[in-house]
């Protein structure tokens, strides 16, 4: 038996979480409510991180095209606090 395409399996996961998903060329939730994207620019290992300049630019682009971009980091809250001030439509969620 042939398995469902990966995209369809991912869509099923989101459907089970209560999202309405339309499959066209890409997955996208269908909602009247504002939503956003989480972006965690730091990693435990430097090899898994983008350079900060590129991460900043990506956050800026995301915030321009998506209603809310959420920034999160465990130890780099001062950097992300600055980004939150400099990039509209972003919110930093530092570790409590």
C-alpha atoms as a PDB file:
ATOM      1  CA  UNK A   1       0.000   0.000   0.000  1.00  0.00           C
ATOM      2  CA  UNK A   2       1.355   3.416  -0.916  1.00  0.00           C
ATOM      3  CA  UNK A   3       1.818   5.853   1.944  1.00  0.00           C
ATOM      4  CA  UNK A   4       0.278   9.320   1.939  1.00  0.00           C
ATOM      5  CA  UNK A   5       2.582  12.061   0.745  1.00  0.00           C
ATOM      6  CA  UNK A   6       4.609  13.689   3.516  1.00  0.00           C
ATOM      7  CA  UNK A   7       2.802  16.990   2.998  1.00  0.00           C
ATOM      8  CA  UNK A   8      -0.550  15.279   3.502  1.00  0.00           C
ATOM      9  CA  UNK A   9       0.689  13.542   6.673  1.00  0.00           C
ATOM     10  CA  UNK A  10       1.851  16.889   8.081  1.00  0.00           C
ATOM     11  CA  UNK A  11      -1.497  18.426   7.139  1.00  0.00           C
ATOM     12  CA  UNK A  12      -3.265  15.630   9.030  1.00  0.00           C
ATOM     13  CA  UNK A  13      -1.261  16.475  12.160  1.00  0.00           C
ATOM     14  CA  UNK A  14      -2.350  20.110  11.967  1.00  0.00           C
ATOM     15  CA  UNK A  15      -5.944  19.116  11.228  1.00  0.00           C
ATOM     16  CA  UNK A  16      -5.923  16.939  14.353  1.00  0.00           C
ATOM     17  CA  UNK A  17      -4.766  20.014  16.283  1.00  0.00           C
ATOM     18  CA  UNK A  18      -7.834  21.922  15.049  1.00  0.00           C
ATOM     19  CA  UNK A  19      -6.349  23.911  12.153  1.00  0.00           C
ATOM     20  CA  UNK A  20      -8.135  24.063   8.826  1.00  0.00           C
ATOM     21  CA  UNK A  21      -5.539  23.246   6.176  1.00  0.00           C
ATOM     22  CA  UNK A  22      -5.874  23.761   2.430  1.00  0.00           C
ATOM     23  CA  UNK A  23      -3.354  21.894   0.344  1.00  0.00           C
ATOM     24  CA  UNK A  24      -2.222  23.623  -2.792  1.00  0.00           C
ATOM     25  CA  UNK A  25       1.466  24.104  -3.504  1.00  0.00           C
ATOM     26  CA  UNK A  26       2.154  24.674   0.172  1.00  0.00           C
ATOM     27  CA  UNK A  27       0.594  24.140   3.578  1.00  0.00           C
ATOM     28  CA  UNK A  28      -1.185  27.105   5.018  1.00  0.00           C
ATOM     29  CA  UNK A  29      -3.690  27.397   7.839  1.00  0.00           C
ATOM     30  CA  UNK A  30      -7.066  28.927   7.079  1.00  0.00           C
ATOM     31  CA  UNK A  31      -8.101  31.200   9.910  1.00  0.00           C
ATOM     32  CA  UNK A  32      -9.762  34.515  10.576  1.00  0.00           C
ATOM     33  CA  UNK A  33      -7.577  34.981  13.648  1.00  0.00           C
ATOM     34  CA  UNK A  34      -4.137  36.524  13.551  1.00  0.00           C
ATOM     35  CA  UNK A  35      -1.348  34.040  13.807  1.00  0.00           C
ATOM     36  CA  UNK A  36       2.400  34.195  13.725  1.00  0.00           C
ATOM     37  CA  UNK A  37       5.597  32.275  13.501  1.00  0.00           C
ATOM     38  CA  UNK A  38       8.117  31.421  16.183  1.00  0.00           C
ATOM     39  CA  UNK A  39      11.765  32.089  15.447  1.00  0.00           C
ATOM     40  CA  UNK A  40      14.570  30.923  17.736  1.00  0.00           C
ATOM     41  CA  UNK A  41      17.817  32.269  16.265  1.00  0.00           C
ATOM     42  CA  UNK A  42      20.176  30.669  18.779  1.00  0.00           C
ATOM     43  CA  UNK A  43      21.345  27.069  19.062  1.00  0.00           C
ATOM     44  CA  UNK A  44      23.447  25.182  21.551  1.00  0.00           C
ATOM     45  CA  UNK A  45      26.106  24.526  18.915  1.00  0.00           C
ATOM     46  CA  UNK A  46      27.455  27.365  16.740  1.00  0.00           C
ATOM     47  CA  UNK A  47      27.441  25.126  13.665  1.00  0.00           C
ATOM     48  CA  UNK A  48      23.640  24.940  13.847  1.00  0.00           C
ATOM     49  CA  UNK A  49      23.174  28.729  13.969  1.00  0.00           C
ATOM     50  CA  UNK A  50      22.896  31.311  11.241  1.00  0.00           C
ATOM     51  CA  UNK A  51      25.193  34.298  11.737  1.00  0.00           C
ATOM     52  CA  UNK A  52      23.375  36.915  13.845  1.00  0.00           C
ATOM     53  CA  UNK A  53      23.263  39.396  10.952  1.00  0.00           C
ATOM     54  CA  UNK A  54      21.420  36.864   8.782  1.00  0.00           C
ATOM     55  CA  UNK A  55      19.113  35.871  11.647  1.00  0.00           C
ATOM     56  CA  UNK A  56      18.253  39.532  12.209  1.00  0.00           C
ATOM     57  CA  UNK A  57      17.502  40.002   8.512  1.00  0.00           C
ATOM     58  CA  UNK A  58      15.333  36.863   8.465  1.00  0.00           C
ATOM     59  CA  UNK A  59      13.377  38.072  11.516  1.00  0.00           C
ATOM     60  CA  UNK A  60      12.897  41.452   9.813  1.00  0.00           C
ATOM     61  CA  UNK A  61      11.594  39.822   6.615  1.00  0.00           C
ATOM     62  CA  UNK A  62       9.308  37.467   8.525  1.00  0.00           C
ATOM     63  CA  UNK A  63       7.872  40.327  10.595  1.00  0.00           C
ATOM     64  CA  UNK A  64       7.168  42.295   7.427  1.00  0.00           C
ATOM     65  CA  UNK A  65       5.229  39.426   5.828  1.00  0.00           C
ATOM     66  CA  UNK A  66       3.636  37.682   8.818  1.00  0.00           C
ATOM     67  CA  UNK A  67       1.458  39.512  11.374  1.00  0.00           C
ATOM     68  CA  UNK A  68       3.546  38.448  14.372  1.00  0.00           C
ATOM     69  CA  UNK A  69       7.014  36.998  14.682  1.00  0.00           C
ATOM     70  CA  UNK A  70       7.840  35.549  18.079  1.00  0.00           C
ATOM     71  CA  UNK A  71      11.454  35.555  19.170  1.00  0.00           C
ATOM     72  CA  UNK A  72      12.648  33.133  21.819  1.00  0.00           C
ATOM     73  CA  UNK A  73      15.974  32.322  23.405  1.00  0.00           C
ATOM     74  CA  UNK A  74      17.181  30.900  26.654  1.00  0.00           C
ATOM     75  CA  UNK A  75      20.237  33.034  27.364  1.00  0.00           C
ATOM     76  CA  UNK A  76      20.415  35.715  24.668  1.00  0.00           C
ATOM     77  CA  UNK A  77      17.516  37.854  25.891  1.00  0.00           C
ATOM     78  CA  UNK A  78      19.414  41.153  25.627  1.00  0.00           C
ATOM     79  CA  UNK A  79      20.013  40.667  21.883  1.00  0.00           C
ATOM     80  CA  UNK A  80      16.408  39.701  21.236  1.00  0.00           C
ATOM     81  CA  UNK A  81      15.113  42.528  23.416  1.00  0.00           C
ATOM     82  CA  UNK A  82      16.976  44.909  21.082  1.00  0.00           C
ATOM     83  CA  UNK A  83      15.549  43.154  18.023  1.00  0.00           C
ATOM     84  CA  UNK A  84      12.044  43.463  19.486  1.00  0.00           C
ATOM     85  CA  UNK A  85      12.546  47.235  19.728  1.00  0.00           C
ATOM     86  CA  UNK A  86      13.996  47.506  16.208  1.00  0.00           C
ATOM     87  CA  UNK A  87      11.672  45.190  14.276  1.00  0.00           C
ATOM     88  CA  UNK A  88       7.938  46.009  14.195  1.00  0.00           C
ATOM     89  CA  UNK A  89       5.442  43.141  14.742  1.00  0.00           C
ATOM     90  CA  UNK A  90       7.810  41.093  16.886  1.00  0.00           C
ATOM     91  CA  UNK A  91       7.536  39.909  20.468  1.00  0.00           C
ATOM     92  CA  UNK A  92      10.356  38.391  22.508  1.00  0.00           C
ATOM     93  CA  UNK A  93       9.519  35.594  24.936  1.00  0.00           C
ATOM     94  CA  UNK A  94      12.572  35.204  27.160  1.00  0.00           C
ATOM     95  CA  UNK A  95      12.932  32.224  29.458  1.00  0.00           C
ATOM     96  CA  UNK A  96      11.363  32.935  32.852  1.00  0.00           C
END
